[in-house]
Protein backbone atom coordinates (compact mmCIF):
# COMPACT_ATOMS: atom_id res chain seq x y z
CA MET A 1 30.60 -2.72 -27.59
CA SER A 2 28.59 -0.31 -25.57
CA HIS A 3 25.33 -1.62 -24.06
CA PRO A 4 23.27 1.38 -22.84
CA LEU A 5 20.91 1.09 -19.99
CA THR A 6 17.28 1.79 -20.99
CA THR A 7 15.04 1.08 -18.01
CA PRO A 8 14.23 3.76 -15.39
CA LEU A 9 15.21 1.35 -12.55
CA SER A 10 18.61 0.52 -14.02
CA LEU A 11 19.37 4.14 -14.69
CA ALA A 12 18.19 5.29 -11.28
CA LEU A 13 20.42 2.73 -9.44
CA GLN A 14 23.38 3.50 -11.69
CA GLN A 15 23.05 7.18 -10.97
CA ALA A 16 22.62 6.60 -7.19
CA GLY A 17 25.75 4.51 -7.17
CA ARG A 18 27.84 7.23 -8.71
CA GLN A 19 26.97 10.11 -6.37
CA GLY A 20 29.89 9.46 -3.99
CA HIS A 21 28.08 10.54 -0.83
CA LEU A 22 29.09 8.93 2.44
CA PRO A 23 26.31 6.63 3.70
CA GLN A 24 24.04 7.90 6.39
CA THR A 25 24.32 5.93 9.61
CA LEU A 26 21.89 5.00 12.37
CA ALA A 27 23.41 7.68 14.55
CA ASP A 28 22.18 10.34 12.05
CA VAL A 29 18.50 9.37 12.26
CA THR A 30 15.74 9.36 14.95
CA ILE A 31 12.65 7.17 14.73
CA THR A 32 9.89 8.53 16.89
CA PRO A 33 6.57 6.58 17.27
CA LEU A 34 3.43 8.56 16.80
CA TYR A 35 0.81 8.90 19.47
CA ALA A 36 -1.56 6.93 17.24
CA ALA A 37 -2.71 3.40 16.45
CA LEU A 38 0.26 3.05 14.13
CA GLY A 39 3.11 4.95 12.58
CA ALA A 40 6.50 6.49 13.37
CA GLU A 41 8.22 9.59 12.05
CA VAL A 42 11.82 9.41 10.77
CA THR A 43 13.95 12.57 11.10
CA GLY A 44 17.51 13.32 10.19
CA LEU A 45 17.30 11.22 6.93
CA ASP A 46 17.92 12.53 3.39
CA ALA A 47 16.49 10.10 0.91
CA ASN A 48 18.92 11.32 -1.75
CA ARG A 49 21.89 9.86 0.17
CA PRO A 50 22.97 6.21 0.49
CA LEU A 51 22.02 4.32 3.70
CA SER A 52 24.30 2.20 5.81
CA PRO A 53 23.27 -1.45 6.30
CA ALA A 54 22.52 -0.86 10.02
CA LEU A 55 20.21 2.01 9.09
CA VAL A 56 18.36 0.00 6.48
CA ARG A 57 17.92 -2.87 8.94
CA ALA A 58 16.59 -0.40 11.62
CA LEU A 59 14.10 1.16 9.17
CA LYS A 60 12.77 -2.31 8.15
CA LYS A 61 12.44 -3.29 11.81
CA ALA A 62 10.63 -0.08 12.56
CA LEU A 63 8.25 -0.69 9.63
CA ASP A 64 7.42 -4.16 11.04
CA GLU A 65 6.70 -2.64 14.39
CA HIS A 66 4.87 0.55 13.40
CA HIS A 67 3.42 -0.39 9.97
CA ILE A 68 4.07 3.09 8.40
CA LEU A 69 7.12 5.33 8.42
CA ILE A 70 6.87 9.09 7.64
CA PHE A 71 9.94 10.97 6.24
CA LYS A 72 9.55 14.72 6.26
CA ARG A 73 11.01 17.49 4.09
CA GLN A 74 12.34 15.45 1.23
CA GLN A 75 13.33 16.68 -2.31
CA LEU A 76 13.58 13.94 -4.76
CA SER A 77 13.63 13.27 -8.50
CA ASP A 78 11.69 10.23 -9.75
CA ALA A 79 15.00 8.43 -10.08
CA ALA A 80 16.01 9.26 -6.47
CA LEU A 81 12.66 8.15 -5.15
CA LEU A 82 12.89 4.88 -7.08
CA ALA A 83 16.51 4.25 -5.77
CA PHE A 84 15.47 4.95 -2.17
CA ALA A 85 12.44 2.67 -2.39
CA THR A 86 14.49 -0.27 -3.52
CA TYR A 87 16.41 -0.38 -0.22
CA PHE A 88 13.18 -2.03 1.05
CA GLY A 89 12.50 -4.42 -1.78
CA ALA A 90 12.11 -5.03 -5.51
CA VAL A 91 9.64 -2.95 -7.49
CA PHE A 92 6.17 -4.53 -7.74
CA ARG A 93 5.41 -6.14 -11.21
CA PRO A 94 1.92 -7.40 -11.51
CA PRO A 95 1.20 -10.22 -14.08
CA GLU A 96 0.30 -8.83 -17.51
CA ASP A 97 -3.09 -10.56 -17.31
CA VAL A 98 -4.07 -9.05 -13.91
CA PRO A 99 -4.57 -5.24 -14.34
CA VAL A 100 -3.86 -2.78 -11.49
CA LEU A 101 -3.79 0.94 -11.29
CA ALA A 102 -1.82 2.45 -14.28
CA SER A 103 -1.57 -0.89 -16.08
CA ALA A 104 -2.83 0.81 -19.22
CA ALA A 105 0.13 3.10 -19.34
CA ARG A 106 2.63 0.63 -20.67
CA ASP A 107 1.26 -2.51 -22.44
CA GLY A 108 -0.22 -3.92 -19.30
CA ILE A 109 2.60 -3.12 -16.95
CA PRO A 110 2.42 0.08 -14.78
CA PRO A 111 5.39 2.38 -14.57
CA ASP A 112 7.82 2.04 -11.71
CA VAL A 113 6.80 5.50 -10.46
CA VAL A 114 3.02 5.97 -10.66
CA PRO A 115 1.65 9.53 -10.59
CA VAL A 116 -1.17 9.49 -7.97
CA ALA A 117 -2.59 12.87 -9.00
CA ASN A 118 -5.63 14.67 -10.37
CA VAL A 119 -3.77 16.30 -13.16
CA ALA A 120 -3.07 15.16 -16.74
CA GLY A 121 -1.36 11.78 -16.75
CA GLY A 122 -2.27 11.03 -13.14
CA TYR A 123 -4.55 8.49 -11.52
CA THR A 124 -7.28 8.35 -8.78
CA GLY A 125 -8.82 11.79 -9.32
CA ASN A 126 -10.12 13.81 -6.39
CA GLY A 127 -12.83 11.65 -4.88
CA GLU A 128 -12.96 9.72 -1.64
CA LEU A 129 -11.10 6.34 -1.62
CA HIS A 130 -12.46 3.80 0.85
CA PRO A 131 -10.12 1.74 3.09
CA HIS A 132 -8.37 -0.82 0.92
CA ILE A 133 -5.28 -2.99 0.43
CA ASP A 134 -3.44 -2.35 -2.77
CA HIS A 135 -3.20 -5.20 -5.33
CA GLN A 136 -5.02 -7.62 -2.98
CA TRP A 137 -6.71 -9.22 -5.98
CA THR A 138 -3.37 -10.24 -7.57
CA PRO A 139 -1.72 -13.58 -6.97
CA LEU A 140 1.23 -11.83 -5.19
CA PRO A 141 0.01 -8.64 -3.53
CA SER A 142 2.50 -5.81 -3.16
CA ALA A 143 4.49 -5.71 0.11
CA GLY A 144 4.28 -1.93 0.53
CA SER A 145 4.44 1.44 -1.13
CA LEU A 146 6.22 4.70 -0.77
CA LEU A 147 4.10 7.80 -1.59
CA TYR A 148 5.82 11.17 -2.04
CA ALA A 149 4.07 14.47 -1.98
CA LEU A 150 4.80 17.17 -4.54
CA GLU A 151 1.69 19.30 -4.44
CA VAL A 152 -1.16 19.13 -1.84
CA PRO A 153 -4.53 20.77 -1.60
CA ALA A 154 -5.31 23.38 1.09
CA GLU A 155 -8.09 21.15 2.47
CA GLY A 156 -8.89 17.43 2.12
CA GLY A 157 -6.90 14.73 0.35
CA ASP A 158 -5.74 13.35 3.72
CA THR A 159 -4.73 9.66 3.81
CA SER A 160 -5.61 7.35 6.78
CA TRP A 161 -4.03 4.03 7.55
CA TYR A 162 -5.58 1.29 9.63
CA ASN A 163 -3.67 -1.24 11.82
CA LEU A 164 -4.73 -4.71 10.68
CA ASN A 165 -2.75 -6.49 13.37
CA ALA A 166 -4.42 -4.46 16.18
CA ALA A 167 -7.81 -5.06 14.52
CA TYR A 168 -7.18 -8.87 14.56
CA GLU A 169 -5.93 -8.85 18.16
CA ALA A 170 -9.06 -6.96 19.38
CA LEU A 171 -11.37 -9.64 18.06
CA ASP A 172 -13.10 -11.88 20.60
CA ALA A 173 -11.82 -15.50 20.86
CA ASP A 174 -14.95 -16.98 19.22
CA THR A 175 -14.52 -14.81 16.16
CA LYS A 176 -10.74 -15.60 15.87
CA ALA A 177 -11.64 -19.32 16.03
CA ARG A 178 -14.37 -18.91 13.36
CA ILE A 179 -12.12 -17.15 10.83
CA ASP A 180 -8.92 -19.15 11.39
CA GLY A 181 -8.12 -20.91 8.15
CA LEU A 182 -10.70 -19.22 5.96
CA GLN A 183 -9.69 -18.17 2.46
CA LEU A 184 -10.84 -14.92 0.84
CA ILE A 185 -11.05 -14.07 -2.88
CA THR A 186 -10.87 -10.36 -3.65
CA TYR A 187 -12.08 -9.68 -7.22
CA ASN A 188 -10.24 -7.30 -9.43
CA PRO A 189 -11.93 -3.82 -9.40
CA PHE A 190 -10.29 -2.84 -12.73
CA LEU A 191 -12.39 -5.41 -14.53
CA ARG A 192 -15.60 -3.41 -13.83
CA GLY A 193 -16.16 -0.20 -15.76
CA PRO A 194 -17.55 3.13 -14.46
CA GLY A 195 -21.21 2.87 -13.47
CA GLN A 196 -21.21 -0.96 -13.30
CA GLN A 197 -22.54 -2.66 -10.17
CA ARG A 198 -19.76 -3.22 -7.65
CA PRO A 199 -21.10 -5.67 -5.08
CA LEU A 200 -19.45 -5.90 -1.70
CA TYR A 201 -19.90 -9.72 -1.60
CA ARG A 202 -20.09 -11.98 -4.60
CA THR A 203 -23.04 -14.38 -4.43
CA PRO A 204 -23.78 -17.20 -6.96
CA ASP A 205 -26.09 -14.94 -8.97
CA ILE A 206 -23.27 -12.42 -9.72
CA GLU A 207 -21.00 -13.59 -12.48
CA PRO A 208 -17.33 -12.81 -11.77
CA LEU A 209 -15.68 -10.71 -14.43
CA GLY A 210 -12.39 -12.64 -14.08
CA PRO A 211 -10.57 -15.24 -12.04
CA GLY A 212 -9.86 -14.69 -8.38
CA PHE A 213 -6.97 -15.59 -6.17
CA ALA A 214 -7.64 -16.93 -2.72
CA HIS A 215 -5.54 -15.59 0.14
CA PRO A 216 -5.84 -16.23 3.89
CA LEU A 217 -8.41 -13.95 5.63
CA VAL A 218 -6.07 -14.02 8.60
CA ARG A 219 -2.64 -13.54 7.09
CA THR A 220 0.69 -14.09 8.91
CA HIS A 221 3.01 -11.18 8.28
CA PRO A 222 6.07 -12.60 6.42
CA SER A 223 8.76 -10.84 8.50
CA SER A 224 7.18 -9.94 11.88
CA GLY A 225 4.99 -13.09 12.15
CA LYS A 226 2.08 -10.92 13.42
CA PRO A 227 -1.40 -12.07 12.48
CA VAL A 228 -3.35 -9.49 10.39
CA LEU A 229 -7.02 -9.26 9.29
CA PHE A 230 -6.31 -9.11 5.48
CA LEU A 231 -9.59 -7.52 4.34
CA SER A 232 -10.44 -4.30 2.45
CA ALA A 233 -13.49 -2.29 3.36
CA ARG A 234 -15.52 -2.18 0.14
CA ALA A 235 -13.92 -4.55 -2.41
CA GLU A 236 -15.87 -7.34 -4.07
CA VAL A 237 -14.99 -10.46 -2.10
CA GLU A 238 -16.07 -14.07 -1.52
CA LEU A 239 -15.20 -16.57 1.24
CA VAL A 240 -14.19 -19.92 -0.18
CA GLY A 241 -16.44 -22.77 1.02
CA VAL A 242 -18.72 -20.64 3.09
CA ALA A 243 -22.50 -20.36 2.39
CA PRO A 244 -23.15 -16.92 0.72
CA GLU A 245 -25.56 -15.49 3.39
CA ALA A 246 -23.27 -16.48 6.23
CA GLY A 247 -20.19 -15.28 4.33
CA ALA A 248 -21.67 -11.85 3.49
CA ALA A 249 -22.76 -11.38 7.15
CA LEU A 250 -19.38 -12.35 8.51
CA ILE A 251 -17.53 -9.98 6.13
CA ALA A 252 -19.85 -7.12 6.95
CA GLN A 253 -19.20 -7.65 10.66
CA LEU A 254 -15.40 -7.74 10.13
CA ARG A 255 -15.46 -4.68 7.96
CA GLU A 256 -17.35 -2.65 10.58
CA HIS A 257 -14.78 -3.77 13.09
CA VAL A 258 -11.62 -3.18 11.14
CA THR A 259 -12.49 0.38 10.12
CA GLN A 260 -13.05 1.68 13.70
CA PRO A 261 -11.28 4.99 14.51
CA ARG A 262 -9.22 3.34 17.25
CA PHE A 263 -7.19 1.42 14.57
CA ARG A 264 -6.61 4.57 12.37
CA TYR A 265 -3.95 7.21 11.85
CA GLN A 266 -4.91 10.17 9.56
CA HIS A 267 -2.09 11.91 7.76
CA LYS A 268 -2.33 15.58 6.73
CA TRP A 269 0.10 15.88 3.84
CA GLN A 270 2.76 18.45 3.46
CA VAL A 271 4.98 18.90 0.41
CA GLY A 272 8.13 16.83 0.79
CA ASP A 273 6.48 14.02 2.86
CA ILE A 274 7.25 10.41 1.97
CA VAL A 275 5.04 7.78 3.71
CA HIS A 276 6.21 4.25 3.45
CA TRP A 277 3.47 1.88 4.45
CA ASP A 278 3.36 -1.90 4.90
CA ASN A 279 0.60 -3.08 2.49
CA GLN A 280 0.58 -6.43 4.27
CA ALA A 281 -0.49 -4.93 7.60
CA THR A 282 -2.56 -1.93 6.81
CA LEU A 283 -5.61 -0.50 5.03
CA HIS A 284 -5.38 2.95 3.56
CA ALA A 285 -8.04 5.42 2.59
CA ARG A 286 -8.30 9.00 1.23
CA THR A 287 -10.73 11.90 1.87
CA ALA A 288 -12.07 13.82 -1.08
CA PHE A 289 -10.81 17.26 -2.03
CA ALA A 290 -12.04 20.06 -4.30
CA GLN A 291 -11.66 19.38 -8.03
CA ASN A 292 -10.08 22.77 -8.68
CA GLU A 293 -7.23 21.95 -6.22
CA ARG A 294 -4.08 20.12 -7.35
CA ARG A 295 -2.89 17.02 -5.51
CA VAL A 296 0.27 15.51 -7.09
CA LEU A 297 2.03 12.58 -5.41
CA LYS A 298 4.33 9.82 -6.76
CA ARG A 299 4.14 6.24 -5.70
CA VAL A 300 6.57 3.25 -5.93
CA SER A 301 5.14 -0.11 -4.86
CA LEU A 302 7.27 -2.98 -3.71
CA ALA A 303 6.98 -6.70 -4.64
CA GLY A 304 5.44 -9.12 -2.17
CA SER A 305 5.30 -12.82 -1.67
CA ARG A 306 2.50 -15.37 -1.62
CA PRO A 307 0.29 -14.69 1.41
CA PHE A 308 0.27 -17.47 4.04
């Protein structure tokens, strides 16, 4: 009896496995570090084609080292983007009781390919987005994402990434000692509606709208072992076991530090760009752009593990 495939992921991987192309090898590809605080550009790679084991391993190693990888001049269907992304990990699946971007699209679970766009059916609009870590409020934050540009505005809509390992290493010894072992709760921004107060630090007089999950403020990267300052710039947070005034002051100090331009790379999008970023080692932000301009990108996020 026939048992047809029904999920986008299964169909994408079945289609990718039937193409018959020879795998690309490490010799086909060049990885060039950017002259910036983080990032490397990958040339010679066609994300429609299969990758050799050595090439996959080299790309994963480069991501650990540079935190973001930029693939230029790609032409992909949603299925091909999804298949390419899964070389680097499983697709992120948030718990049904912890909403994230696009959760409302499919009974509490976002689609595998999320339209990050200011057109019908898209998410995030055209306003500025402050430096943040995706899914930090979930029990298992995503490991990373791949964002693919289909349409870009003439001006604005640039994305910046911040190097959280470099930010940690630049702290003085006293601050490192002070924050070692602290646990940070990041509260879910999707539980507050438009126009509601969005505090930067939760104090006892502010009732949380939902449960929080504590993660290390200084996180150890699961594959590179690098320490990272795992803190978003404007999310509602709380340090576990720290007096509110002291906690708020410390978080404000760390946020001013981590968002310094010396830790940032700003990307001007071109159609066909894919940027793969390590969500465990970076913040990312977006500049605003004109409402009458179209910005259409597709995102696949990858599953992560419990922060430690």
